[in-house]
Protein backbone atom coordinates (compact mmCIF):
# COMPACT_ATOMS: atom_id res chain seq x y z
CA MET A 1 -14.76 3.83 41.59
CA PRO A 2 -14.42 1.28 38.40
CA GLN A 3 -12.86 2.28 35.83
CA PRO A 4 -14.42 2.09 32.24
CA ASN A 5 -11.03 -0.09 31.96
CA ASP A 6 -12.00 -2.47 34.84
CA TYR A 7 -14.97 -3.97 32.84
CA PRO A 8 -13.92 -7.27 31.27
CA LEU A 9 -15.81 -6.57 28.37
CA ASN A 10 -16.62 -2.81 26.28
CA PRO A 11 -19.83 -1.15 25.84
CA MET A 12 -19.68 -2.77 22.12
CA GLN A 13 -19.08 -6.15 23.40
CA VAL A 14 -21.81 -6.46 26.10
CA GLU A 15 -24.14 -5.43 23.57
CA THR A 16 -22.82 -8.09 20.57
CA GLU A 17 -23.50 -10.49 23.62
CA ILE A 18 -26.51 -9.52 24.57
CA ILE A 19 -28.01 -9.73 21.15
CA ARG A 20 -26.26 -13.36 20.96
CA LEU A 21 -27.64 -14.61 24.19
CA SER A 22 -31.22 -13.16 23.34
CA SER A 23 -31.36 -15.48 19.73
CA LEU A 24 -29.95 -18.33 21.87
CA LEU A 25 -32.87 -17.31 24.21
CA GLU A 26 -35.24 -17.74 21.60
CA GLU A 27 -34.08 -21.01 19.83
CA ARG A 28 -34.05 -22.47 23.70
CA VAL A 29 -37.67 -20.97 24.05
CA SER A 30 -38.91 -23.47 20.87
CA ASP A 31 -36.76 -25.97 22.09
CA TYR A 32 -38.55 -26.38 25.24
CA THR A 33 -41.91 -25.60 23.73
CA ARG A 34 -41.08 -29.32 21.77
CA ALA A 35 -40.26 -30.78 24.83
CA ILE A 36 -42.79 -30.22 26.99
CA ARG A 37 -45.37 -31.17 24.15
CA ASP A 38 -42.83 -34.75 23.50
CA ALA A 39 -43.62 -34.80 27.50
CA ALA A 40 -46.97 -34.59 27.42
CA ASP A 41 -47.20 -37.27 24.58
CA ALA A 42 -45.30 -39.65 26.21
CA GLU A 43 -47.29 -39.07 29.43
CA ALA A 44 -50.30 -39.46 27.82
CA ASN A 45 -49.37 -42.86 25.95
CA TRP A 46 -48.15 -44.12 29.48
CA LYS A 47 -51.01 -43.47 30.84
CA ARG A 48 -53.25 -44.98 28.38
CA ASP A 49 -51.44 -47.73 27.84
CA ALA A 50 -51.15 -48.52 31.73
CA ALA A 51 -55.00 -48.27 31.88
CA ILE A 52 -55.21 -50.96 29.07
CA ALA A 53 -52.80 -53.10 30.86
CA LEU A 54 -54.64 -52.88 33.79
CA LEU A 55 -57.99 -53.48 32.29
CA ASP A 56 -56.05 -56.66 30.47
CA VAL A 57 -54.55 -58.09 34.00
CA ILE A 58 -58.03 -58.16 35.57
CA ASN A 59 -59.26 -59.75 32.89
CA SER A 60 -56.43 -62.54 32.46
CA TYR A 61 -56.86 -63.13 36.20
CA THR A 62 -60.84 -62.72 36.74
CA GLY A 63 -61.55 -64.89 39.89
CA THR A 64 -57.73 -65.42 41.16
CA LYS A 65 -56.85 -63.70 44.57
CA MET A 66 -54.83 -60.85 43.68
CA THR A 67 -53.61 -57.18 45.86
CA VAL A 68 -53.54 -54.13 44.41
CA ALA A 69 -49.88 -54.14 44.49
CA GLU A 70 -49.83 -57.27 42.50
CA ARG A 71 -52.10 -55.95 39.95
CA GLU A 72 -49.44 -52.48 39.47
CA ALA A 73 -46.17 -54.29 39.54
CA ARG A 74 -47.92 -56.19 36.13
CA VAL A 75 -49.05 -52.83 34.80
CA GLU A 76 -45.74 -51.65 35.48
CA VAL A 77 -43.79 -54.44 33.54
CA MET A 78 -45.73 -54.42 30.90
CA THR A 79 -45.72 -50.68 30.22
CA THR A 80 -42.26 -49.93 31.31
CA ASP A 81 -41.18 -48.48 28.42
CA GLY A 82 -43.68 -45.99 27.76
CA HIS A 83 -42.98 -45.03 31.50
CA ARG A 84 -39.48 -44.60 30.82
CA ALA A 85 -40.19 -42.63 27.31
CA HIS A 86 -42.49 -40.37 29.96
CA LEU A 87 -39.63 -39.55 32.64
CA MET A 88 -36.59 -39.15 29.27
CA THR A 89 -39.11 -36.26 27.89
CA ALA A 90 -39.88 -34.83 31.06
CA ALA A 91 -35.90 -34.87 31.70
CA THR A 92 -35.37 -33.17 28.51
CA ALA A 93 -37.67 -30.42 29.27
CA LYS A 94 -36.21 -29.77 32.75
CA SER A 95 -32.72 -29.62 31.29
CA ILE A 96 -34.12 -26.88 28.67
CA LYS A 97 -35.53 -25.39 31.16
CA GLU A 98 -32.65 -25.16 33.33
CA SER A 99 -30.90 -24.00 30.51
CA LEU A 100 -33.37 -21.10 29.62
CA ASN A 101 -32.90 -19.98 33.30
CA ALA A 102 -28.91 -19.81 32.64
CA LEU A 103 -29.50 -17.82 29.91
CA ASP A 104 -31.71 -15.56 31.46
CA SER A 105 -29.70 -14.90 34.48
CA GLN A 106 -26.30 -14.42 32.02
CA ILE A 107 -28.43 -11.44 29.72
CA ARG A 108 -29.66 -9.91 33.11
CA ALA A 109 -26.39 -9.81 34.20
CA LEU A 110 -24.79 -8.32 31.09
CA GLN A 111 -27.74 -6.01 31.00
CA THR A 112 -26.60 -4.28 34.85
CA LEU A 113 -22.81 -4.22 33.34
CA ALA A 114 -24.24 -2.27 30.08
CA ALA A 115 -26.18 0.28 32.71
CA ASN A 116 -23.06 0.64 34.32
CA HIS A 117 -21.11 1.37 31.46
CA ARG A 118 -23.55 4.00 30.71
CA HIS A 119 -23.46 5.47 34.40
CA MET A 120 -19.90 5.59 34.15
CA SER A 121 -19.96 7.75 30.79
């Protein structure tokens, strides 16, 4: 059966670490909120620009035979920067979400450790 000295952190250290990680988790939640808003804005801007570009392509090539794939390729060329911005902001949001999950797992592990300390006392 484990003894109190077998734990790498004493109860006070566990509590301090839970508080620290909880504070960090709150900060990261705010970061995530900003990141998903930025990603939504970037996506909306890219889609608007793509629609405008599509209309421009259709108007510019009226009377010209063009496949759907050719039109889409022209639109993609015209909106590459917006598409890249959308992908980058979405990737940032996903990365922050993963860090939230990791922090949550660390907190839960420390809570288990704290419960074990209480049980041993």
